[in-house]
N, C-alpha and C. Protein backbone atom coordinates (compact mmCIF):
# COMPACT_ATOMS: atom_id res chain seq x y z
N MET A 1 11.83 -12.33 5.19
CA MET A 1 10.55 -11.68 5.39
C MET A 1 10.31 -10.70 4.25
N LYS A 2 9.10 -10.71 3.71
CA LYS A 2 8.71 -9.76 2.68
C LYS A 2 8.29 -8.46 3.36
N THR A 3 8.88 -7.36 2.92
CA THR A 3 8.58 -6.06 3.51
C THR A 3 8.14 -5.08 2.43
N PHE A 4 7.47 -4.02 2.85
CA PHE A 4 7.05 -2.97 1.93
C PHE A 4 8.25 -2.10 1.57
N GLU A 5 8.34 -1.71 0.30
CA GLU A 5 9.43 -0.87 -0.17
C GLU A 5 8.87 0.44 -0.72
N VAL A 6 9.55 1.52 -0.43
CA VAL A 6 9.13 2.85 -0.89
C VAL A 6 9.19 2.90 -2.41
N GLY A 7 8.13 3.42 -3.01
CA GLY A 7 8.07 3.58 -4.46
C GLY A 7 7.40 2.42 -5.19
N LYS A 8 7.19 1.31 -4.52
CA LYS A 8 6.55 0.16 -5.17
C LYS A 8 5.04 0.22 -5.00
N ARG A 9 4.34 -0.47 -5.91
CA ARG A 9 2.88 -0.56 -5.85
C ARG A 9 2.47 -1.98 -5.48
N TYR A 10 1.47 -2.08 -4.61
CA TYR A 10 0.98 -3.37 -4.14
C TYR A 10 -0.52 -3.46 -4.36
N GLY A 11 -0.99 -4.67 -4.65
CA GLY A 11 -2.40 -4.92 -4.88
C GLY A 11 -2.66 -5.29 -6.32
N ASP A 12 -3.74 -6.03 -6.53
CA ASP A 12 -4.06 -6.47 -7.89
C ASP A 12 -5.53 -6.26 -8.22
N ASN A 13 -6.22 -5.49 -7.42
CA ASN A 13 -7.63 -5.21 -7.68
C ASN A 13 -7.75 -3.89 -8.45
N ALA A 14 -8.92 -3.31 -8.44
CA ALA A 14 -9.15 -2.04 -9.13
C ALA A 14 -8.34 -0.92 -8.49
N VAL A 15 -8.03 -1.07 -7.19
CA VAL A 15 -7.24 -0.07 -6.47
C VAL A 15 -5.88 -0.67 -6.13
N VAL A 16 -4.82 0.07 -6.47
CA VAL A 16 -3.46 -0.34 -6.16
C VAL A 16 -2.91 0.67 -5.16
N PHE A 17 -2.02 0.24 -4.28
CA PHE A 17 -1.49 1.10 -3.23
C PHE A 17 -0.01 1.34 -3.45
N GLU A 18 0.38 2.63 -3.59
CA GLU A 18 1.78 2.99 -3.77
C GLU A 18 2.34 3.47 -2.44
N ILE A 19 3.49 2.92 -2.05
CA ILE A 19 4.12 3.28 -0.79
C ILE A 19 4.92 4.57 -1.01
N ILE A 20 4.61 5.59 -0.21
CA ILE A 20 5.23 6.90 -0.34
C ILE A 20 6.39 7.05 0.64
N LYS A 21 6.15 6.67 1.90
CA LYS A 21 7.13 6.86 2.96
C LYS A 21 7.02 5.69 3.93
N ARG A 22 8.12 5.35 4.61
CA ARG A 22 8.10 4.23 5.53
C ARG A 22 8.96 4.52 6.76
N THR A 23 8.44 4.11 7.93
CA THR A 23 9.24 4.06 9.16
C THR A 23 9.23 2.61 9.61
N THR A 24 9.77 2.32 10.78
CA THR A 24 9.79 0.93 11.24
C THR A 24 8.40 0.43 11.61
N LYS A 25 7.50 1.32 12.04
CA LYS A 25 6.18 0.90 12.49
C LYS A 25 5.03 1.33 11.59
N THR A 26 5.24 2.33 10.73
CA THR A 26 4.15 2.84 9.90
C THR A 26 4.60 3.02 8.45
N ILE A 27 3.60 3.13 7.58
CA ILE A 27 3.85 3.50 6.19
C ILE A 27 2.84 4.56 5.78
N THR A 28 3.21 5.35 4.79
CA THR A 28 2.30 6.30 4.17
C THR A 28 2.08 5.80 2.76
N TYR A 29 0.80 5.64 2.40
CA TYR A 29 0.47 5.12 1.07
C TYR A 29 -0.52 6.04 0.38
N ALA A 30 -0.58 5.90 -0.94
CA ALA A 30 -1.56 6.63 -1.75
C ALA A 30 -2.32 5.61 -2.59
N PRO A 31 -3.65 5.53 -2.42
CA PRO A 31 -4.43 4.62 -3.27
C PRO A 31 -4.49 5.17 -4.70
N ILE A 32 -4.30 4.29 -5.67
CA ILE A 32 -4.33 4.67 -7.07
C ILE A 32 -5.43 3.88 -7.76
N HIS A 33 -6.41 4.59 -8.29
CA HIS A 33 -7.53 3.96 -8.99
C HIS A 33 -7.19 3.85 -10.47
N HIS A 34 -7.55 2.75 -11.09
CA HIS A 34 -7.32 2.49 -12.52
C HIS A 34 -5.84 2.56 -12.88
N ALA A 35 -4.99 1.90 -12.10
CA ALA A 35 -3.54 1.96 -12.31
C ALA A 35 -3.16 1.47 -13.70
N GLY A 36 -2.30 2.23 -14.37
CA GLY A 36 -1.79 1.86 -15.68
C GLY A 36 -2.70 2.20 -16.84
N ARG A 37 -3.79 2.87 -16.57
CA ARG A 37 -4.72 3.24 -17.65
C ARG A 37 -4.70 4.74 -17.87
N PHE A 38 -5.38 5.19 -18.90
CA PHE A 38 -5.37 6.61 -19.24
C PHE A 38 -6.08 7.45 -18.19
N ASN A 39 -7.01 6.85 -17.44
CA ASN A 39 -7.75 7.59 -16.42
C ASN A 39 -7.25 7.30 -15.01
N GLU A 40 -5.98 6.97 -14.87
CA GLU A 40 -5.38 6.71 -13.56
C GLU A 40 -5.50 7.94 -12.67
N SER A 41 -5.93 7.73 -11.43
CA SER A 41 -6.04 8.85 -10.50
C SER A 41 -5.51 8.46 -9.14
N ARG A 42 -4.80 9.40 -8.55
CA ARG A 42 -4.17 9.20 -7.25
C ARG A 42 -4.99 9.92 -6.20
N LYS A 43 -5.32 9.22 -5.12
CA LYS A 43 -6.15 9.79 -4.07
C LYS A 43 -5.28 10.29 -2.92
N GLU A 44 -5.93 10.75 -1.85
CA GLU A 44 -5.25 11.34 -0.70
C GLU A 44 -4.35 10.33 0.02
N GLU A 45 -3.16 10.77 0.41
CA GLU A 45 -2.22 9.91 1.13
C GLU A 45 -2.71 9.66 2.56
N LYS A 46 -2.43 8.45 3.06
CA LYS A 46 -2.82 8.07 4.41
C LYS A 46 -1.67 7.34 5.08
N THR A 47 -1.59 7.46 6.41
CA THR A 47 -0.57 6.77 7.18
C THR A 47 -1.23 5.71 8.04
N VAL A 48 -0.68 4.49 8.00
CA VAL A 48 -1.24 3.37 8.76
C VAL A 48 -0.13 2.57 9.42
N LYS A 49 -0.52 1.76 10.39
CA LYS A 49 0.41 0.91 11.12
C LYS A 49 0.68 -0.37 10.33
N ILE A 50 1.94 -0.84 10.36
CA ILE A 50 2.32 -2.09 9.72
C ILE A 50 2.14 -3.23 10.71
N HIS A 51 1.57 -4.35 10.25
CA HIS A 51 1.40 -5.54 11.08
C HIS A 51 2.28 -6.65 10.55
N ASP A 52 2.85 -7.44 11.45
CA ASP A 52 3.74 -8.54 11.08
C ASP A 52 2.94 -9.84 11.07
N TRP A 53 2.89 -10.51 9.92
CA TRP A 53 2.19 -11.80 9.78
C TRP A 53 3.20 -12.91 9.53
N GLY A 54 4.20 -13.02 10.38
CA GLY A 54 5.19 -14.08 10.23
C GLY A 54 6.16 -13.82 9.10
N GLU A 55 5.87 -14.31 7.91
CA GLU A 55 6.79 -14.18 6.77
C GLU A 55 6.58 -12.91 5.96
N ARG A 56 5.56 -12.13 6.27
CA ARG A 56 5.29 -10.94 5.47
C ARG A 56 4.65 -9.83 6.31
N GLU A 57 4.71 -8.61 5.79
CA GLU A 57 4.07 -7.47 6.43
C GLU A 57 2.74 -7.20 5.74
N VAL A 58 1.79 -6.67 6.50
CA VAL A 58 0.50 -6.29 5.94
C VAL A 58 0.07 -4.95 6.55
N PHE A 59 -0.85 -4.28 5.86
CA PHE A 59 -1.52 -3.13 6.44
C PHE A 59 -2.96 -3.15 6.00
N TYR A 60 -3.80 -2.47 6.78
CA TYR A 60 -5.22 -2.43 6.51
C TYR A 60 -5.57 -1.08 5.89
N ALA A 61 -6.19 -1.13 4.71
CA ALA A 61 -6.63 0.07 4.00
C ALA A 61 -8.15 0.00 3.93
N GLY A 62 -8.79 0.53 4.94
CA GLY A 62 -10.25 0.44 5.00
C GLY A 62 -10.67 -1.00 5.22
N ASP A 63 -11.36 -1.59 4.25
CA ASP A 63 -11.81 -2.98 4.38
C ASP A 63 -10.91 -3.95 3.63
N GLU A 64 -9.77 -3.48 3.12
CA GLU A 64 -8.83 -4.33 2.39
C GLU A 64 -7.58 -4.60 3.22
N THR A 65 -7.04 -5.81 3.09
CA THR A 65 -5.77 -6.17 3.69
C THR A 65 -4.75 -6.24 2.56
N VAL A 66 -3.69 -5.44 2.66
CA VAL A 66 -2.67 -5.38 1.63
C VAL A 66 -1.42 -6.07 2.13
N GLU A 67 -0.93 -7.05 1.38
CA GLU A 67 0.25 -7.83 1.76
C GLU A 67 1.46 -7.41 0.95
N ALA A 68 2.63 -7.47 1.61
CA ALA A 68 3.89 -7.18 0.92
C ALA A 68 4.26 -8.31 0.00
């Protein structure tokens, strides 16, 4: 099963999500706008519930679904 790991970044759109903290049921993430560029900015951290989709974990960040 693919799981979220602390310190890794997930996503391939304009916004990337960095995992800050993890428990068995929740994660705390920070959305990062313009990742890897000179104007990279980190937004407010949020805690959300992790959902199990069979072979991988996912979480919902507003209107986006982020997969491990």
